[in-house]
Amino acid sequence: MTTLAPIHPGEHLVEILDELHINQDHLAQAMGVDPIRLNQIIHQQAPITADTALQIGEALGTTPDFWLNLQRMYDLDCARATTDTPASKSLTPA
């Protein structure tokens, strides 16, 4: 079985920007953030935080929940790939 690598929200953001023909600088300007911050997200060097999710959502007409859920799924996928959960003991009956 092949395990797929977790998909960072920045990858989704790149796809949306490409579809809308918007560049990073234009989005950063619309969001009112430093272009470096947005570039870090796009290059998977920074997570999407709640405040960034609000700004991206407002600029692109999406919900902040969409962006935070992408980040949450990415974080969980990364944790699943690196955490040995069978070593944990369940406190609830099976």
N, C-alpha and C. Protein backbone atom coordinates (compact mmCIF):
# COMPACT_ATOMS: atom_id res chain seq x y z
N MET A 1 0.84 -1.19 0.00
CA MET A 1 0.00 0.00 0.00
C MET A 1 0.88 1.25 0.00
N THR A 2 0.61 2.16 -0.90
CA THR A 2 1.37 3.40 -1.00
C THR A 2 0.68 4.48 -0.20
N THR A 3 1.46 5.14 0.66
CA THR A 3 0.92 6.23 1.45
C THR A 3 1.25 7.55 0.76
N LEU A 4 0.24 8.35 0.56
CA LEU A 4 0.44 9.66 -0.07
C LEU A 4 0.99 10.64 0.96
N ALA A 5 1.84 11.52 0.50
CA ALA A 5 2.39 12.56 1.38
C ALA A 5 1.28 13.55 1.74
N PRO A 6 1.31 14.05 2.96
CA PRO A 6 0.32 15.07 3.35
C PRO A 6 0.39 16.28 2.41
N ILE A 7 -0.76 16.86 2.15
CA ILE A 7 -0.84 18.02 1.25
C ILE A 7 -0.98 19.29 2.10
N HIS A 8 0.00 20.14 2.00
CA HIS A 8 0.01 21.40 2.75
C HIS A 8 -1.02 22.35 2.12
N PRO A 9 -1.68 23.17 2.94
CA PRO A 9 -2.66 24.13 2.40
C PRO A 9 -2.07 25.07 1.36
N GLY A 10 -0.78 25.30 1.42
CA GLY A 10 -0.13 26.16 0.43
C GLY A 10 -0.26 25.60 -0.98
N GLU A 11 -0.26 24.27 -1.10
CA GLU A 11 -0.45 23.66 -2.43
C GLU A 11 -1.84 23.97 -2.98
N HIS A 12 -2.84 23.91 -2.12
CA HIS A 12 -4.20 24.25 -2.53
C HIS A 12 -4.27 25.72 -2.92
N LEU A 13 -3.60 26.56 -2.15
CA LEU A 13 -3.62 27.99 -2.42
C LEU A 13 -3.00 28.29 -3.79
N VAL A 14 -1.91 27.63 -4.12
CA VAL A 14 -1.27 27.81 -5.43
C VAL A 14 -2.24 27.45 -6.55
N GLU A 15 -2.94 26.34 -6.39
CA GLU A 15 -3.89 25.91 -7.43
C GLU A 15 -4.99 26.94 -7.62
N ILE A 16 -5.52 27.47 -6.52
CA ILE A 16 -6.59 28.46 -6.62
C ILE A 16 -6.08 29.74 -7.26
N LEU A 17 -4.89 30.16 -6.87
CA LEU A 17 -4.32 31.38 -7.47
C LEU A 17 -4.11 31.18 -8.97
N ASP A 18 -3.64 30.01 -9.36
CA ASP A 18 -3.45 29.72 -10.79
C ASP A 18 -4.78 29.78 -11.54
N GLU A 19 -5.80 29.18 -10.97
CA GLU A 19 -7.12 29.17 -11.62
C GLU A 19 -7.68 30.58 -11.77
N LEU A 20 -7.42 31.43 -10.78
CA LEU A 20 -7.94 32.80 -10.80
C LEU A 20 -7.00 33.79 -11.50
N HIS A 21 -5.84 33.29 -11.93
CA HIS A 21 -4.83 34.14 -12.58
C HIS A 21 -4.42 35.30 -11.68
N ILE A 22 -4.18 34.97 -10.40
CA ILE A 22 -3.74 35.95 -9.41
C ILE A 22 -2.34 35.54 -8.95
N ASN A 23 -1.44 36.51 -8.84
CA ASN A 23 -0.11 36.16 -8.33
C ASN A 23 -0.04 36.39 -6.82
N GLN A 24 1.02 35.89 -6.23
CA GLN A 24 1.19 35.97 -4.78
C GLN A 24 1.21 37.41 -4.27
N ASP A 25 1.91 38.27 -4.99
CA ASP A 25 2.00 39.66 -4.55
C ASP A 25 0.64 40.35 -4.53
N HIS A 26 -0.16 40.06 -5.55
CA HIS A 26 -1.50 40.67 -5.63
C HIS A 26 -2.35 40.20 -4.45
N LEU A 27 -2.28 38.89 -4.15
CA LEU A 27 -3.06 38.37 -3.01
C LEU A 27 -2.54 38.97 -1.71
N ALA A 28 -1.23 39.03 -1.52
CA ALA A 28 -0.68 39.61 -0.30
C ALA A 28 -1.13 41.05 -0.11
N GLN A 29 -1.15 41.80 -1.21
CA GLN A 29 -1.60 43.19 -1.14
C GLN A 29 -3.08 43.26 -0.76
N ALA A 30 -3.90 42.40 -1.35
CA ALA A 30 -5.33 42.38 -1.03
C ALA A 30 -5.56 41.99 0.43
N MET A 31 -4.71 41.09 0.94
CA MET A 31 -4.83 40.64 2.33
C MET A 31 -4.26 41.64 3.31
N GLY A 32 -3.40 42.55 2.82
CA GLY A 32 -2.74 43.50 3.71
C GLY A 32 -1.63 42.86 4.52
N VAL A 33 -0.96 41.85 3.95
CA VAL A 33 0.13 41.17 4.65
C VAL A 33 1.42 41.30 3.86
N ASP A 34 2.52 41.05 4.54
CA ASP A 34 3.83 41.03 3.90
C ASP A 34 3.86 39.87 2.91
N PRO A 35 4.29 40.11 1.68
CA PRO A 35 4.36 39.03 0.69
C PRO A 35 5.23 37.85 1.14
N ILE A 36 6.19 38.12 2.01
CA ILE A 36 7.04 37.04 2.52
C ILE A 36 6.20 36.04 3.31
N ARG A 37 5.26 36.51 4.09
CA ARG A 37 4.39 35.63 4.88
C ARG A 37 3.61 34.70 3.94
N LEU A 38 3.03 35.24 2.92
CA LEU A 38 2.27 34.44 1.97
C LEU A 38 3.18 33.46 1.23
N ASN A 39 4.37 33.91 0.87
CA ASN A 39 5.32 33.05 0.19
C ASN A 39 5.73 31.87 1.07
N GLN A 40 5.85 32.10 2.37
CA GLN A 40 6.19 31.02 3.30
C GLN A 40 5.09 29.96 3.33
N ILE A 41 3.85 30.38 3.28
CA ILE A 41 2.73 29.44 3.26
C ILE A 41 2.76 28.65 1.95
N ILE A 42 2.92 29.33 0.86
CA ILE A 42 2.92 28.69 -0.45
C ILE A 42 4.06 27.68 -0.57
N HIS A 43 5.21 27.99 0.04
CA HIS A 43 6.35 27.08 -0.03
C HIS A 43 6.42 26.13 1.17
N GLN A 44 5.31 26.00 1.87
CA GLN A 44 5.15 25.04 2.95
C GLN A 44 6.14 25.25 4.09
N GLN A 45 6.48 26.49 4.34
CA GLN A 45 7.41 26.83 5.41
C GLN A 45 6.68 27.43 6.61
N ALA A 46 5.38 27.64 6.48
CA ALA A 46 4.59 28.22 7.57
C ALA A 46 3.17 27.68 7.49
N PRO A 47 2.52 27.55 8.64
CA PRO A 47 1.13 27.09 8.63
C PRO A 47 0.17 28.25 8.37
N ILE A 48 -1.05 27.89 8.07
CA ILE A 48 -2.12 28.89 7.98
C ILE A 48 -2.70 29.03 9.38
N THR A 49 -2.60 30.22 9.92
CA THR A 49 -3.13 30.49 11.25
C THR A 49 -4.55 31.07 11.11
N ALA A 50 -5.22 31.22 12.24
CA ALA A 50 -6.60 31.71 12.21
C ALA A 50 -6.69 33.10 11.57
N ASP A 51 -5.77 33.99 11.92
CA ASP A 51 -5.83 35.34 11.33
C ASP A 51 -5.56 35.31 9.83
N THR A 52 -4.62 34.46 9.41
CA THR A 52 -4.34 34.33 7.98
C THR A 52 -5.52 33.71 7.25
N ALA A 53 -6.18 32.74 7.87
CA ALA A 53 -7.36 32.12 7.27
C ALA A 53 -8.46 33.15 7.05
N LEU A 54 -8.64 34.04 8.02
CA LEU A 54 -9.62 35.12 7.86
C LEU A 54 -9.27 36.01 6.66
N GLN A 55 -7.99 36.35 6.55
CA GLN A 55 -7.56 37.25 5.48
C GLN A 55 -7.65 36.59 4.11
N ILE A 56 -7.21 35.33 4.01
CA ILE A 56 -7.30 34.62 2.73
C ILE A 56 -8.76 34.46 2.33
N GLY A 57 -9.58 34.07 3.29
CA GLY A 57 -11.00 33.89 3.02
C GLY A 57 -11.66 35.15 2.50
N GLU A 58 -11.35 36.26 3.14
CA GLU A 58 -11.92 37.54 2.71
C GLU A 58 -11.45 37.90 1.31
N ALA A 59 -10.17 37.74 1.05
CA ALA A 59 -9.61 38.12 -0.24
C ALA A 59 -10.09 37.24 -1.38
N LEU A 60 -10.28 35.94 -1.10
CA LEU A 60 -10.65 35.01 -2.17
C LEU A 60 -12.12 34.59 -2.17
N GLY A 61 -12.90 35.13 -1.23
CA GLY A 61 -14.32 34.79 -1.20
C GLY A 61 -14.59 33.39 -0.71
N THR A 62 -13.72 32.88 0.15
CA THR A 62 -13.92 31.56 0.76
C THR A 62 -14.11 31.76 2.26
N THR A 63 -14.37 30.67 2.95
CA THR A 63 -14.52 30.79 4.40
C THR A 63 -13.18 30.53 5.08
N PRO A 64 -12.97 31.15 6.23
CA PRO A 64 -11.76 30.85 6.98
C PRO A 64 -11.75 29.38 7.43
N ASP A 65 -12.93 28.82 7.64
CA ASP A 65 -13.03 27.42 8.05
C ASP A 65 -12.40 26.50 7.01
N PHE A 66 -12.58 26.82 5.74
CA PHE A 66 -11.99 26.01 4.67
C PHE A 66 -10.49 25.92 4.86
N TRP A 67 -9.84 27.06 5.07
CA TRP A 67 -8.38 27.11 5.20
C TRP A 67 -7.90 26.47 6.49
N LEU A 68 -8.63 26.69 7.56
CA LEU A 68 -8.23 26.06 8.83
C LEU A 68 -8.43 24.56 8.79
N ASN A 69 -9.47 24.10 8.10
CA ASN A 69 -9.67 22.65 7.97
C ASN A 69 -8.57 22.01 7.12
N LEU A 70 -8.13 22.68 6.06
CA LEU A 70 -7.01 22.17 5.28
C LEU A 70 -5.76 22.06 6.16
N GLN A 71 -5.52 23.07 6.98
CA GLN A 71 -4.35 23.04 7.87
C GLN A 71 -4.48 21.92 8.89
N ARG A 72 -5.68 21.76 9.46
CA ARG A 72 -5.93 20.70 10.45
C ARG A 72 -5.70 19.32 9.85
N MET A 73 -6.21 19.10 8.64
CA MET A 73 -6.02 17.81 7.97
C MET A 73 -4.54 17.56 7.70
N TYR A 74 -3.83 18.59 7.28
CA TYR A 74 -2.40 18.45 7.02
C TYR A 74 -1.65 18.09 8.31
N ASP A 75 -1.96 18.81 9.38
CA ASP A 75 -1.30 18.54 10.66
C ASP A 75 -1.57 17.11 11.14
N LEU A 76 -2.81 16.66 11.02
CA LEU A 76 -3.15 15.29 11.43
C LEU A 76 -2.45 14.25 10.55
N ASP A 77 -2.41 14.48 9.25
CA ASP A 77 -1.73 13.55 8.35
C ASP A 77 -0.24 13.46 8.67
N CYS A 78 0.36 14.59 8.99
CA CYS A 78 1.78 14.59 9.37
C CYS A 78 1.98 13.83 10.68
N ALA A 79 1.09 14.05 11.63
CA ALA A 79 1.19 13.36 12.91
C ALA A 79 1.01 11.86 12.74
N ARG A 80 0.06 11.46 11.90
CA ARG A 80 -0.16 10.03 11.66
C ARG A 80 1.08 9.38 11.04
N ALA A 81 1.77 10.12 10.21
CA ALA A 81 2.95 9.58 9.53
C ALA A 81 4.16 9.46 10.47
N THR A 82 4.15 10.21 11.56
CA THR A 82 5.33 10.22 12.43
C THR A 82 5.08 9.75 13.85
N THR A 83 3.84 9.46 14.20
CA THR A 83 3.51 9.08 15.57
C THR A 83 3.16 7.60 15.64
N ASP A 84 3.73 6.92 16.61
CA ASP A 84 3.47 5.49 16.80
C ASP A 84 2.27 5.34 17.75
N THR A 85 1.06 5.39 17.20
CA THR A 85 -0.14 5.30 18.04
C THR A 85 -0.35 3.92 18.66
N PRO A 86 0.10 2.80 18.06
CA PRO A 86 -0.08 1.53 18.75
C PRO A 86 0.63 1.48 20.11
N ALA A 87 1.62 2.34 20.32
CA ALA A 87 2.31 2.38 21.60
C ALA A 87 1.43 3.01 22.68
N SER A 88 0.39 3.74 22.28
CA SER A 88 -0.53 4.36 23.23
C SER A 88 -1.51 3.32 23.74
N LYS A 89 -1.95 3.50 24.96
CA LYS A 89 -2.94 2.59 25.55
C LYS A 89 -4.27 3.31 25.66
N SER A 90 -5.32 2.65 25.24
CA SER A 90 -6.65 3.22 25.32
C SER A 90 -7.17 3.12 26.73
N LEU A 91 -7.82 4.18 27.20
CA LEU A 91 -8.41 4.20 28.51
C LEU A 91 -9.90 3.85 28.49
N THR A 92 -10.43 3.62 27.30
CA THR A 92 -11.84 3.29 27.17
C THR A 92 -11.98 1.82 26.76
N PRO A 93 -13.07 1.17 27.19
CA PRO A 93 -13.27 -0.23 26.79
C PRO A 93 -13.43 -0.37 25.28
N ALA A 94 -12.93 -1.45 24.75
CA ALA A 94 -12.99 -1.69 23.31
C ALA A 94 -14.36 -2.04 22.84
